Amino acid sequence: MRDRRRGLAIGFVTAVFIALVVCGVAALLYARVATATSRPAETINPWTVHGVVRIGSKDLPDTLGPMLGEQYVDDDLVQLWGGFLLAWNDQDQYVPDLAVAVPSFDNGGISQDGLTFTYHLRKHVLWQDGAPFTARDVVFSWHAVMNPRNFIASRAGYELISRIDTPDPYTVVIHLRRRFAPFLGTFFAPSSEPVPVMPEHLLARYPDLNDIPYNALPIGTGPFRVVADQQMRFIRFVANPLYWRGRPGLNEIDFEWLPDDRALLDALREHRIDVYLEGAQALEPQLQGNRGYSVYLYPFTRFADLGFNMSKPQLQDRRVRQALAFATDRMRIIDEVTNGVNIPADSDQPPFGWAYSSAVPKYPYDPRRAGQLLDAAGWRLGPDGLRRQGGLTMRLELVGWTGSVTAAEAESEIAREWRAVGVDTVVHNYSSDALYADKSEGGIQQNGRFDVTYEEWGFGVDPDDSNIFECGATPPEGWNIYHYCDPALDAAEADALTRYDVAGRKAAYARIQAILAGDLPLLPLWYVQSQDVVNIDLRNYKPAHAFAPLWNSWEWKI
């Protein structure tokens, strides 16, 4: 990772490869990032509300329903109230949550053929209404995921389970039909489409979980309980006195949605929030030096990209997509729009991860090459400076989400650069919940109502992203909104998902990256470095670098 920036104390760990025996999956390695300012024990901001942390975000949650959310903020919030079998910490390690240990080959939790996983569950864990948590809840949650009536982004991994045995109330034995390398990070764990364990005693009576009161005021096993939900714009969490680790260090966490980054910056300066999650990179200079706050800068397994709708006639020829890549000055956008905060990307895999391959086609900024490719694809410049083929003008609708100053400035720059090579670009942004909504709810992406989309994709703790590229992952079965299908890629994905040895998986992901970089269903722009602005009085804030950063809220104190 690159070291950033003014006034930040950033410590790096030597880039070593940490291989987990469990499931043959290697943990990602990230740069270690220190807080911008150490908090003296005696320092108390006069505006600090003791025992209460106020979080601000520009992302409006879809729902608190445990399977229904499509946005990153949904994953953040479930960390406060929900529980998983395994969690992921700031040291890039699995942490047992509702399970007492991480299954492995060495401890017998994974069978030698890789088809059986055994979880031993914590005893004396209570749901927030006082009911006991048992293996029945895990089995019920699996059935809920597999219920075809339930809307869910992905059933990957869950659909490979042939049966689940519960030899006692605190043991779960899962039998797979075939090997699945990411299973440990998928099954009620920190995947890219995470699902917490759900309470059988509250939900078993419903034929589906899509539109029930529970989705506004869920009951979980996490450190905080949801007690107020004002249409997702303000959500109040209070400490769960029944939490299995003991009462959390805070009394309350208040989440507030604000419409855009500038409103969040104003709230920060007026001391109305304690945490500005994912501060805008475009506002990086303004985020520095705010008295009473620290800036936490840390790499995250999320990339921004331009996704191409290959069902549109303008984009079916890959030479056009490659031309648009050459016409995009990604380094300039990183430097000028994100103030150099984000990390250059040529692949769908993070350059700081074990699965990354540098042996992929590259697209440095080259408008002349872009023009040659467009000419070769039959798109000729007209006297008005626009390209046409037959009676069709090369005009693209670029969609993104509102509220992000970084996204808005990047889109504006991309439209300018593409216009310079004869491509007219119209930008149309939507609220994030509309952009990413499920297909049945009219989601812009899932219904293909775009030519190009500015978007972000976040991994779980495994490099698997087959859910957005495989032929069978078209919405609503997955997130292949690009109408992309390549049997060679599917074969490489199958290899990556069924091998448990790291070397074999790495070779498979090298093939996948080469295919994707050549075909370009999407163009990676950068990998994200998150910058959270945090009240200096908040102790034990230790964001994780994958899945969701708020993994240890029970330890927070203010």
Protein backbone atom coordinates (compact mmCIF):
# COMPACT_ATOMS: atom_id res chain seq x y z
CA MET A 1 0.00 0.00 0.00
CA ARG A 2 1.10 3.57 -0.56
CA ASP A 3 1.70 5.63 2.51
CA ARG A 4 -0.68 8.55 2.86
CA ARG A 5 -0.74 11.42 3.92
CA ARG A 6 -0.33 14.78 5.66
CA GLY A 7 -0.16 14.35 9.43
CA LEU A 8 -0.83 10.60 9.28
CA ALA A 9 1.39 8.16 11.12
CA ILE A 10 1.32 5.07 8.92
CA GLY A 11 3.13 1.90 9.84
CA PHE A 12 3.74 -0.88 7.37
CA VAL A 13 4.22 -4.56 7.95
CA THR A 14 6.58 -6.36 5.59
CA ALA A 15 4.64 -8.02 2.77
CA VAL A 16 4.57 -11.61 3.90
CA PHE A 17 2.27 -14.33 2.70
CA ILE A 18 0.11 -15.76 5.47
CA ALA A 19 -1.30 -19.12 4.46
CA LEU A 20 -4.20 -20.48 6.47
CA VAL A 21 -4.31 -24.23 6.64
CA VAL A 22 -8.07 -23.90 6.97
CA CYS A 23 -9.67 -24.66 3.62
CA GLY A 24 -6.38 -23.92 1.90
CA VAL A 25 -7.29 -20.25 1.86
CA ALA A 26 -4.57 -17.66 2.40
CA ALA A 27 -5.35 -14.61 4.44
CA LEU A 28 -4.99 -11.30 2.67
CA LEU A 29 -2.12 -9.16 3.80
CA TYR A 30 -2.58 -5.46 4.21
CA ALA A 31 -0.53 -2.52 5.19
CA ARG A 32 -0.86 -1.77 8.86
CA VAL A 33 -2.26 1.67 9.43
CA ALA A 34 -1.97 3.56 12.69
CA THR A 35 -4.41 6.18 13.88
CA ALA A 36 -3.62 9.72 12.91
CA THR A 37 -3.43 10.86 16.50
CA SER A 38 -2.93 8.95 19.71
CA ARG A 39 -5.56 9.71 22.30
CA PRO A 40 -4.14 10.91 25.61
CA ALA A 41 -6.08 9.26 28.43
CA GLU A 42 -7.03 12.64 29.91
CA THR A 43 -8.26 14.18 26.65
CA ILE A 44 -12.02 14.66 26.51
CA ASN A 45 -13.68 16.74 23.84
CA PRO A 46 -16.31 18.99 25.44
CA TRP A 47 -18.82 17.85 22.83
CA THR A 48 -18.32 14.13 23.47
CA VAL A 49 -21.47 12.39 24.69
CA HIS A 50 -20.18 9.88 27.20
CA GLY A 51 -21.16 6.33 26.39
CA VAL A 52 -22.73 7.27 23.04
CA VAL A 53 -21.17 7.09 19.57
CA ARG A 54 -22.86 8.89 16.68
CA ILE A 55 -22.06 7.48 13.24
CA GLY A 56 -22.75 9.37 10.03
CA SER A 57 -22.94 7.84 6.56
CA LYS A 58 -24.03 8.95 3.10
CA ASP A 59 -25.20 5.41 2.28
CA LEU A 60 -28.87 4.80 3.02
CA PRO A 61 -29.42 1.22 4.19
CA ASP A 62 -31.80 -0.92 2.17
CA THR A 63 -33.10 -2.79 5.18
CA LEU A 64 -31.95 -4.44 8.37
CA GLY A 65 -33.37 -7.72 7.07
CA PRO A 66 -30.55 -10.25 7.44
CA MET A 67 -30.64 -11.53 3.84
CA LEU A 68 -32.05 -8.61 1.89
CA GLY A 69 -29.51 -5.79 1.98
CA GLU A 70 -27.48 -5.05 -1.15
CA GLN A 71 -25.23 -2.28 0.16
CA TYR A 72 -22.00 -2.09 2.11
CA VAL A 73 -23.63 -0.09 4.88
CA ASP A 74 -25.99 -3.03 5.50
CA ASP A 75 -22.93 -5.19 6.18
CA ASP A 76 -21.57 -2.53 8.53
CA LEU A 77 -24.75 -2.33 10.58
CA VAL A 78 -25.27 -6.07 10.91
CA GLN A 79 -21.96 -6.15 12.78
CA LEU A 80 -23.64 -4.18 15.56
CA TRP A 81 -26.72 -6.35 16.12
CA GLY A 82 -26.14 -9.71 14.39
CA GLY A 83 -23.96 -12.73 14.95
CA PHE A 84 -21.94 -14.98 12.63
CA LEU A 85 -20.22 -18.29 13.20
CA LEU A 86 -16.92 -16.60 12.37
CA ALA A 87 -15.87 -12.96 12.16
CA TRP A 88 -12.79 -11.22 10.67
CA ASN A 89 -10.55 -8.90 12.66
CA ASP A 90 -8.14 -6.05 11.99
CA GLN A 91 -5.21 -8.49 11.96
CA ASP A 92 -6.70 -10.31 8.94
CA GLN A 93 -7.64 -13.37 10.93
CA TYR A 94 -10.80 -15.34 11.51
CA VAL A 95 -12.27 -14.76 14.96
CA PRO A 96 -14.68 -17.32 16.43
CA ASP A 97 -18.00 -15.64 17.11
CA LEU A 98 -20.94 -17.99 17.65
CA ALA A 99 -18.56 -20.90 17.01
CA VAL A 100 -15.96 -21.62 19.68
CA ALA A 101 -13.16 -22.38 17.20
CA VAL A 102 -12.24 -21.99 13.55
CA PRO A 103 -12.61 -25.38 11.85
CA SER A 104 -9.39 -26.63 10.28
CA PHE A 105 -7.80 -29.81 9.02
CA ASP A 106 -5.53 -29.86 12.07
CA ASN A 107 -8.30 -29.64 14.67
CA GLY A 108 -10.58 -32.06 12.83
CA GLY A 109 -13.12 -29.40 11.98
CA ILE A 110 -12.57 -30.08 8.26
CA SER A 111 -12.44 -33.65 6.98
CA GLN A 112 -9.45 -34.69 4.92
CA ASP A 113 -11.56 -34.91 1.77
CA GLY A 114 -12.78 -31.35 2.36
CA LEU A 115 -16.45 -32.34 2.27
CA THR A 116 -17.38 -32.17 5.97
CA PHE A 117 -17.18 -29.13 8.24
CA THR A 118 -17.87 -29.36 11.97
CA TYR A 119 -18.68 -26.32 14.09
CA HIS A 120 -18.85 -26.43 17.87
CA LEU A 121 -21.15 -23.67 19.07
CA ARG A 122 -20.92 -21.49 22.14
CA LYS A 123 -23.11 -22.49 25.03
CA HIS A 124 -25.11 -19.98 27.05
CA VAL A 125 -25.48 -17.54 24.13
CA LEU A 126 -28.86 -15.80 24.22
CA TRP A 127 -30.85 -14.04 21.58
CA GLN A 128 -31.59 -10.46 22.52
CA ASP A 129 -35.08 -11.45 23.67
CA GLY A 130 -33.62 -14.00 26.11
CA ALA A 131 -34.24 -17.18 24.09
CA PRO A 132 -31.29 -19.62 23.92
CA PHE A 133 -29.19 -19.90 20.76
CA THR A 134 -28.66 -23.49 19.58
CA ALA A 135 -27.77 -25.54 16.52
CA ARG A 136 -31.44 -25.42 15.50
CA ASP A 137 -30.97 -21.74 14.64
CA VAL A 138 -28.07 -22.55 12.30
CA VAL A 139 -30.09 -25.24 10.51
CA PHE A 140 -33.11 -22.94 10.24
CA SER A 141 -30.94 -20.15 8.83
CA TRP A 142 -29.60 -22.49 6.14
CA HIS A 143 -33.15 -23.43 5.17
CA ALA A 144 -34.08 -19.74 5.07
CA VAL A 145 -31.20 -19.00 2.68
CA MET A 146 -32.28 -21.87 0.45
CA ASN A 147 -36.00 -20.99 0.56
CA PRO A 148 -36.74 -19.99 -3.08
CA ARG A 149 -39.34 -17.52 -1.85
CA ASN A 150 -36.73 -15.44 -0.04
CA PHE A 151 -34.98 -12.69 -1.96
CA ILE A 152 -31.24 -13.12 -1.51
CA ALA A 153 -28.27 -11.90 -3.52
CA SER A 154 -26.43 -15.22 -3.59
CA ARG A 155 -26.79 -18.80 -2.38
CA ALA A 156 -23.23 -19.68 -3.43
CA GLY A 157 -21.83 -22.30 -1.10
CA TYR A 158 -25.10 -22.87 0.72
CA GLU A 159 -26.59 -24.72 -2.25
CA LEU A 160 -23.71 -27.24 -2.10
CA ILE A 161 -24.83 -28.55 1.31
CA SER A 162 -26.44 -31.98 1.09
CA ARG A 163 -27.43 -32.10 4.75
CA ILE A 164 -26.65 -30.71 8.19
CA ASP A 165 -26.44 -33.01 11.23
CA THR A 166 -26.85 -31.77 14.79
CA PRO A 167 -25.62 -34.58 17.08
CA ASP A 168 -26.25 -32.30 20.05
CA PRO A 169 -27.65 -28.77 20.57
CA TYR A 170 -24.19 -27.22 20.24
CA THR A 171 -22.64 -29.13 17.34
CA VAL A 172 -23.29 -28.59 13.64
CA VAL A 173 -21.88 -31.00 11.04
CA ILE A 174 -22.19 -29.84 7.41
CA HIS A 175 -21.88 -32.25 4.49
CA LEU A 176 -21.03 -30.82 1.06
CA ARG A 177 -21.84 -32.34 -2.32
CA ARG A 178 -18.49 -31.15 -3.64
CA ARG A 179 -15.48 -29.25 -2.40
CA PHE A 180 -15.87 -25.50 -2.04
CA ALA A 181 -12.73 -23.62 -1.09
CA PRO A 182 -14.41 -20.44 0.23
CA PHE A 183 -16.84 -22.34 2.47
CA LEU A 184 -15.26 -21.25 5.74
CA GLY A 185 -15.63 -17.59 4.78
CA THR A 186 -19.11 -18.12 3.35
CA PHE A 187 -21.24 -20.15 5.76
CA PHE A 188 -22.68 -17.50 8.12
CA ALA A 189 -19.30 -15.82 7.90
CA PRO A 190 -17.70 -12.68 6.39
CA SER A 191 -18.40 -13.33 2.70
CA SER A 192 -19.15 -10.77 -0.01
CA GLU A 193 -22.86 -11.54 0.55
CA PRO A 194 -22.95 -12.09 4.33
CA VAL A 195 -25.90 -13.57 6.20
CA PRO A 196 -26.00 -13.67 10.01
CA VAL A 197 -27.51 -16.57 11.91
CA MET A 198 -31.27 -16.01 12.36
CA PRO A 199 -33.62 -16.92 15.25
CA GLU A 200 -35.79 -19.94 14.50
CA HIS A 201 -38.21 -19.18 17.34
CA LEU A 202 -39.12 -15.81 15.83
CA LEU A 203 -39.01 -16.46 12.09
CA ALA A 204 -40.00 -20.07 11.46
CA ARG A 205 -43.71 -19.15 11.21
CA TYR A 206 -43.21 -16.99 8.10
CA PRO A 207 -43.42 -18.50 4.60
CA ASP A 208 -40.78 -15.97 3.50
CA LEU A 209 -38.74 -13.22 5.17
CA ASN A 210 -39.02 -10.51 2.55
CA ASP A 211 -41.54 -8.17 4.15
CA ILE A 212 -41.89 -8.78 7.86
CA PRO A 213 -41.65 -6.48 10.91
CA TYR A 214 -38.41 -8.21 11.94
CA ASN A 215 -36.58 -6.51 9.06
CA ALA A 216 -37.02 -3.10 10.71
CA LEU A 217 -36.31 -4.17 14.31
CA PRO A 218 -34.29 -7.40 14.12
CA ILE A 219 -33.37 -9.54 17.10
CA GLY A 220 -29.83 -10.88 16.98
CA THR A 221 -27.04 -12.13 19.22
CA GLY A 222 -24.79 -9.10 18.72
CA PRO A 223 -23.56 -6.50 21.20
CA PHE A 224 -26.27 -3.92 20.41
CA ARG A 225 -30.00 -4.15 19.93
CA VAL A 226 -31.99 -2.10 17.44
CA VAL A 227 -34.62 -0.09 19.34
CA ALA A 228 -35.55 2.63 16.84
CA ASP A 229 -35.56 2.74 13.07
CA GLN A 230 -36.78 5.87 11.34
CA GLN A 231 -37.02 4.58 7.77
CA MET A 232 -33.30 3.75 7.83
CA ARG A 233 -32.38 7.42 8.12
CA PHE A 234 -31.79 7.24 11.85
CA ILE A 235 -31.22 3.94 13.64
CA ARG A 236 -30.68 3.71 17.38
CA PHE A 237 -28.78 0.81 18.90
CA VAL A 238 -28.56 0.23 22.66
CA ALA A 239 -26.22 -2.05 24.58
CA ASN A 240 -27.34 -5.66 24.82
CA PRO A 241 -27.08 -6.68 28.51
CA LEU A 242 -27.38 -10.34 27.44
CA TYR A 243 -24.39 -10.25 25.09
CA TRP A 244 -22.27 -13.36 25.51
CA ARG A 245 -19.00 -11.43 25.82
CA GLY A 246 -20.50 -9.24 28.55
CA ARG A 247 -22.06 -5.82 28.42
CA PRO A 248 -20.47 -3.64 25.68
CA GLY A 249 -18.34 -0.64 26.57
CA LEU A 250 -20.88 1.80 25.07
CA ASN A 251 -24.44 2.49 26.12
CA GLU A 252 -25.64 3.46 22.67
CA ILE A 253 -24.72 3.81 19.00
CA ASP A 254 -26.74 6.16 16.80
CA PHE A 255 -26.54 5.79 13.05
CA GLU A 256 -27.62 8.75 10.94
CA TRP A 257 -27.95 8.97 7.20
CA LEU A 258 -26.99 12.30 5.64
CA PRO A 259 -27.57 13.03 1.95
CA ASP A 260 -24.01 13.61 0.78
CA ASP A 261 -20.37 13.95 1.72
CA ARG A 262 -20.51 17.71 2.20
CA ALA A 263 -23.39 17.37 4.66
CA LEU A 264 -21.29 14.83 6.56
CA LEU A 265 -18.32 17.18 6.60
CA ASP A 266 -20.56 19.92 8.02
CA ALA A 267 -21.89 17.55 10.69
CA LEU A 268 -18.32 16.63 11.58
CA ARG A 269 -17.22 20.24 11.95
CA GLU A 270 -20.32 21.01 14.01
CA HIS A 271 -19.51 18.01 16.25
CA ARG A 272 -22.87 16.34 15.56
CA ILE A 273 -21.22 13.01 14.68
CA ASP A 274 -18.33 11.08 16.17
CA VAL A 275 -17.58 8.85 13.17
CA TYR A 276 -17.72 9.81 9.50
CA LEU A 277 -17.58 6.42 7.81
CA GLU A 278 -15.63 6.29 4.56
CA GLY A 279 -14.78 9.94 4.29
CA ALA A 280 -14.75 11.11 0.69
CA GLN A 281 -11.32 10.89 -0.92
CA ALA A 282 -12.20 13.98 -2.94
CA LEU A 283 -12.49 15.87 0.35
CA GLU A 284 -9.26 14.48 1.80
CA PRO A 285 -7.66 17.90 2.46
CA GLN A 286 -10.75 19.04 4.38
CA LEU A 287 -10.80 15.84 6.45
CA GLN A 288 -7.34 16.54 7.82
CA GLY A 289 -6.73 18.80 10.77
CA ASN A 290 -10.22 18.86 12.25
CA ARG A 291 -9.62 19.46 15.92
CA GLY A 292 -10.70 16.62 18.15
CA TYR A 293 -10.74 14.00 15.38
CA SER A 294 -8.38 11.32 14.08
CA VAL A 295 -8.26 10.04 10.52
CA TYR A 296 -7.98 6.26 10.16
CA LEU A 297 -6.61 5.35 6.74
CA TYR A 298 -6.64 1.67 5.84
CA PRO A 299 -6.71 -0.50 2.71
CA PHE A 300 -9.95 -2.31 2.03
CA THR A 301 -10.89 -5.17 -0.30
CA ARG A 302 -13.18 -3.03 -2.42
CA PHE A 303 -12.59 -1.71 -5.91
CA ALA A 304 -14.26 1.02 -7.94
CA ASP A 305 -14.88 0.18 -11.57
CA LEU A 306 -16.76 0.99 -14.74
CA GLY A 307 -19.10 -1.89 -15.56
CA PHE A 308 -20.13 -2.34 -19.20
CA ASN A 309 -23.59 -3.59 -20.19
CA MET A 310 -22.54 -5.88 -23.00
CA SER A 311 -26.12 -6.39 -24.16
CA LYS A 312 -26.03 -2.85 -25.58
CA PRO A 313 -24.99 -2.72 -29.26
CA GLN A 314 -22.38 0.00 -28.67
CA LEU A 315 -20.50 -2.20 -26.18
CA GLN A 316 -20.68 -5.71 -27.62
CA ASP A 317 -17.36 -5.41 -29.46
CA ARG A 318 -14.58 -5.77 -26.93
CA ARG A 319 -12.44 -3.38 -28.96
CA VAL A 320 -14.86 -0.64 -27.93
CA ARG A 321 -14.50 -1.57 -24.26
CA GLN A 322 -10.73 -1.66 -24.63
CA ALA A 323 -10.83 1.73 -26.35
CA LEU A 324 -12.77 3.19 -23.43
CA ALA A 325 -10.12 1.78 -21.09
CA PHE A 326 -7.32 3.44 -23.04
CA ALA A 327 -9.35 6.68 -23.08
CA THR A 328 -9.60 6.75 -19.27
CA ASP A 329 -6.74 8.45 -17.43
CA ARG A 330 -7.07 6.46 -14.24
CA MET A 331 -3.86 7.73 -12.66
CA ARG A 332 -4.93 11.32 -13.16
CA ILE A 333 -8.32 10.61 -11.61
CA ILE A 334 -6.69 8.90 -8.63
CA ASP A 335 -4.28 11.79 -8.12
CA GLU A 336 -6.65 14.68 -8.75
CA VAL A 337 -10.07 13.38 -7.74
CA THR A 338 -9.10 11.11 -4.84
CA ASN A 339 -6.07 13.19 -3.82
CA GLY A 340 -3.82 10.18 -4.34
CA VAL A 341 -5.53 8.22 -1.60
CA ASN A 342 -6.69 5.20 -3.62
CA ILE A 343 -4.55 2.42 -5.09
CA PRO A 344 -4.13 1.86 -8.86
CA ALA A 345 -5.79 -1.31 -10.12
CA ASP A 346 -5.35 -3.38 -13.29
CA SER A 347 -7.19 -6.43 -12.01
CA ASP A 348 -10.32 -7.42 -10.14
CA GLN A 349 -8.03 -8.76 -7.39
CA PRO A 350 -6.37 -6.37 -4.92
CA PRO A 351 -2.66 -5.81 -5.59
CA PHE A 352 -2.04 -6.42 -1.88
CA GLY A 353 -3.78 -9.82 -1.91
CA TRP A 354 -2.38 -13.31 -2.37
CA ALA A 355 -4.49 -14.03 -5.47
CA TYR A 356 -3.26 -11.00 -7.44
CA SER A 357 -1.51 -11.53 -10.77
CA SER A 358 0.41 -8.77 -12.52
CA ALA A 359 0.47 -10.75 -15.80
CA VAL A 360 -2.66 -9.18 -17.25
CA PRO A 361 -3.25 -6.85 -20.21
CA LYS A 362 -2.71 -3.23 -19.18
CA TYR A 363 -4.50 -0.13 -20.40
CA PRO A 364 -2.37 2.95 -19.78
CA TYR A 365 -3.91 6.25 -20.82
CA ASP A 366 -3.54 6.42 -24.60
CA PRO A 367 -6.30 8.35 -26.44
CA ARG A 368 -4.58 7.74 -29.78
CA ARG A 369 -4.76 3.98 -29.26
CA ALA A 370 -8.39 4.41 -28.17
CA GLY A 371 -9.19 6.14 -31.44
CA GLN A 372 -7.51 3.41 -33.47
CA LEU A 373 -9.55 0.71 -31.75
CA LEU A 374 -12.79 2.60 -32.26
CA ASP A 375 -11.93 3.05 -35.94
CA ALA A 376 -11.18 -0.66 -36.26
CA ALA A 377 -14.52 -1.48 -34.64
CA GLY A 378 -16.30 0.62 -37.26
CA TRP A 379 -17.05 3.70 -35.16
CA ARG A 380 -16.00 6.66 -37.32
CA LEU A 381 -15.65 10.28 -36.28
CA GLY A 382 -18.21 12.66 -37.73
CA PRO A 383 -17.80 16.38 -38.37
CA ASP A 384 -19.39 17.11 -34.97
CA GLY A 385 -16.66 15.13 -33.20
CA LEU A 386 -18.92 12.19 -32.35
CA ARG A 387 -18.51 8.64 -33.57
CA ARG A 388 -21.18 6.78 -35.52
CA GLN A 389 -21.69 3.33 -36.95
CA GLY A 390 -24.50 3.10 -39.46
CA GLY A 391 -27.28 5.20 -37.98
CA LEU A 392 -26.19 4.70 -34.36
CA THR A 393 -24.36 7.43 -32.46
CA MET A 394 -21.79 6.41 -29.88
CA ARG A 395 -23.69 7.84 -26.91
CA LEU A 396 -23.48 6.12 -23.51
CA GLU A 397 -25.50 6.58 -20.34
CA LEU A 398 -23.17 6.39 -17.34
CA VAL A 399 -25.04 5.69 -14.09
CA GLY A 400 -23.79 5.90 -10.53
CA TRP A 401 -25.06 6.90 -7.12
CA THR A 402 -25.86 10.27 -5.62
CA GLY A 403 -24.27 11.75 -2.53
CA SER A 404 -20.62 10.88 -3.25
CA VAL A 405 -18.48 13.83 -4.24
CA THR A 406 -15.72 11.40 -5.26
CA ALA A 407 -18.05 9.52 -7.62
CA ALA A 408 -19.49 12.73 -9.09
CA GLU A 409 -16.07 14.21 -9.84
CA ALA A 410 -14.76 10.92 -11.27
CA GLU A 411 -17.80 10.59 -13.53
CA SER A 412 -17.38 14.15 -14.78
CA GLU A 413 -13.73 13.54 -15.63
CA ILE A 414 -14.48 10.23 -17.36
CA ALA A 415 -17.20 11.85 -19.48
CA ARG A 416 -14.76 14.60 -20.50
CA GLU A 417 -12.03 12.12 -21.45
CA TRP A 418 -14.40 9.93 -23.47
CA ARG A 419 -15.81 12.94 -25.30
CA ALA A 420 -12.28 13.72 -26.41
CA VAL A 421 -12.21 10.45 -28.40
CA GLY A 422 -15.70 10.94 -29.87
CA VAL A 423 -17.87 9.18 -27.26
CA ASP A 424 -20.78 11.22 -25.92
CA THR A 425 -21.49 10.35 -22.28
CA VAL A 426 -24.60 11.30 -20.31
CA VAL A 427 -24.31 10.92 -16.54
CA HIS A 428 -27.42 9.89 -14.60
CA ASN A 429 -27.08 9.16 -10.89
CA TYR A 430 -29.54 7.47 -8.54
CA SER A 431 -29.75 6.96 -4.81
CA SER A 432 -27.61 4.00 -3.80
CA ASP A 433 -30.61 1.97 -2.68
CA ALA A 434 -32.23 2.43 -6.13
CA LEU A 435 -29.02 1.66 -8.02
CA TYR A 436 -28.31 -1.57 -6.14
CA ALA A 437 -31.88 -2.73 -5.43
CA ASP A 438 -32.95 -6.28 -6.21
CA LYS A 439 -34.29 -6.98 -9.69
CA SER A 440 -37.83 -7.52 -8.39
CA GLU A 441 -37.69 -4.10 -6.73
CA GLY A 442 -36.69 -2.29 -9.92
CA GLY A 443 -32.95 -2.05 -9.27
CA ILE A 444 -31.19 -0.04 -11.98
CA GLN A 445 -28.22 -2.39 -12.28
CA GLN A 446 -30.04 -5.70 -11.97
CA ASN A 447 -32.58 -4.65 -14.59
CA GLY A 448 -29.89 -3.51 -17.03
CA ARG A 449 -31.08 0.09 -17.21
CA PHE A 450 -27.66 1.48 -18.05
CA ASP A 451 -24.91 1.41 -20.64
CA VAL A 452 -21.99 1.89 -18.24
CA THR A 453 -22.13 1.96 -14.46
CA TYR A 454 -19.73 3.54 -12.02
CA GLU A 455 -19.83 1.12 -9.10
CA GLU A 456 -17.91 -0.54 -6.31
CA TRP A 457 -17.52 -4.22 -5.51
CA GLY A 458 -16.40 -5.49 -2.13
CA PHE A 459 -14.94 -8.90 -1.42
CA GLY A 460 -15.44 -10.95 1.65
CA VAL A 461 -12.32 -12.56 3.09
CA ASP A 462 -11.87 -14.87 0.08
CA PRO A 463 -10.90 -13.77 -3.47
CA ASP A 464 -13.96 -15.50 -4.96
CA ASP A 465 -15.99 -13.12 -7.13
CA SER A 466 -17.60 -15.74 -9.37
CA ASN A 467 -20.98 -14.30 -8.40
CA ILE A 468 -20.41 -11.34 -10.69
CA PHE A 469 -18.79 -13.06 -13.67
CA GLU A 470 -20.05 -16.61 -14.17
CA CYS A 471 -22.51 -17.31 -16.98
CA GLY A 472 -25.15 -18.55 -14.52
CA ALA A 473 -24.88 -15.52 -12.22
CA THR A 474 -27.32 -13.30 -14.08
CA PRO A 475 -29.78 -11.41 -11.84
CA PRO A 476 -31.54 -12.37 -9.69
CA GLU A 477 -29.33 -15.48 -9.32
CA GLY A 478 -26.18 -13.38 -9.03
CA TRP A 479 -24.73 -9.99 -9.89
CA ASN A 480 -23.50 -10.54 -13.44
CA ILE A 481 -25.15 -7.33 -14.64
CA TYR A 482 -22.70 -7.15 -17.56
CA HIS A 483 -24.31 -9.95 -19.64
CA TYR A 484 -20.87 -11.53 -19.76
CA CYS A 485 -20.36 -15.23 -20.43
CA ASP A 486 -17.15 -17.11 -21.21
CA PRO A 487 -16.91 -20.90 -20.74
CA ALA A 488 -13.14 -20.62 -20.23
CA LEU A 489 -13.69 -18.25 -17.33
CA ASP A 490 -16.33 -20.53 -15.83
CA ALA A 491 -13.89 -23.44 -16.03
CA ALA A 492 -11.18 -21.43 -14.28
CA GLU A 493 -13.67 -20.33 -11.61
CA ALA A 494 -14.64 -23.95 -11.01
CA ASP A 495 -10.97 -24.83 -10.59
CA ALA A 496 -10.43 -21.98 -8.12
CA LEU A 497 -13.48 -22.93 -6.09
CA THR A 498 -12.79 -26.67 -5.76
CA ARG A 499 -9.06 -26.62 -4.99
CA TYR A 500 -7.95 -26.25 -1.37
CA ASP A 501 -4.24 -25.70 -2.05
CA VAL A 502 -3.18 -22.07 -2.26
CA ALA A 503 -0.79 -22.55 -5.19
CA GLY A 504 -3.48 -24.18 -7.29
CA ARG A 505 -6.02 -21.50 -6.47
CA LYS A 506 -3.52 -18.75 -7.23
CA ALA A 507 -2.85 -20.24 -10.68
CA ALA A 508 -6.58 -20.43 -11.37
CA TYR A 509 -7.07 -16.80 -10.33
CA ALA A 510 -4.21 -15.77 -12.61
CA ARG A 511 -6.13 -17.29 -15.54
CA ILE A 512 -9.33 -15.58 -14.43
CA GLN A 513 -7.65 -12.18 -14.20
CA ALA A 514 -6.08 -12.56 -17.65
CA ILE A 515 -9.43 -13.46 -19.22
CA LEU A 516 -11.27 -10.59 -17.52
CA ALA A 517 -8.58 -8.03 -18.35
CA GLY A 518 -8.76 -9.05 -22.00
CA ASP A 519 -12.55 -9.12 -22.31
CA LEU A 520 -13.20 -6.17 -19.97
CA PRO A 521 -16.74 -6.73 -18.72
CA LEU A 522 -15.60 -4.09 -16.26
CA LEU A 523 -12.67 -1.71 -16.02
CA PRO A 524 -11.13 -1.50 -12.52
CA LEU A 525 -10.38 2.12 -11.61
CA TRP A 526 -8.75 1.72 -8.21
CA TYR A 527 -8.72 -0.20 -4.96
CA VAL A 528 -10.14 1.73 -2.06
CA GLN A 529 -8.26 3.05 0.91
CA SER A 530 -10.94 3.89 3.43
CA GLN A 531 -10.51 6.97 5.57
CA ASP A 532 -12.77 7.15 8.60
CA VAL A 533 -12.79 10.36 10.60
CA VAL A 534 -13.25 9.50 14.28
CA ASN A 535 -13.67 11.39 17.54
CA ILE A 536 -10.33 11.21 19.30
CA ASP A 537 -12.11 10.17 22.50
CA LEU A 538 -13.33 6.91 20.95
CA ARG A 539 -11.06 4.11 22.11
CA ASN A 540 -10.53 0.65 20.59
CA TYR A 541 -11.63 1.63 17.10
CA LYS A 542 -9.80 -0.99 15.01
CA PRO A 543 -11.34 -1.26 11.53
CA ALA A 544 -10.95 -4.50 9.62
CA HIS A 545 -9.69 -4.48 6.02
CA ALA A 546 -12.26 -6.84 4.52
CA PHE A 547 -15.98 -7.57 4.75
CA ALA A 548 -17.01 -4.77 7.17
CA PRO A 549 -14.77 -2.61 9.35
CA LEU A 550 -16.96 -2.43 12.50
CA TRP A 551 -16.14 -5.91 13.76
CA ASN A 552 -15.32 -5.07 17.41
CA SER A 553 -17.96 -2.56 18.51
CA TRP A 554 -18.36 -4.32 21.86
CA GLU A 555 -14.86 -3.06 22.76
CA TRP A 556 -15.51 0.59 21.95
CA LYS A 557 -15.49 3.12 24.77
CA ILE A 558 -16.02 6.87 24.82
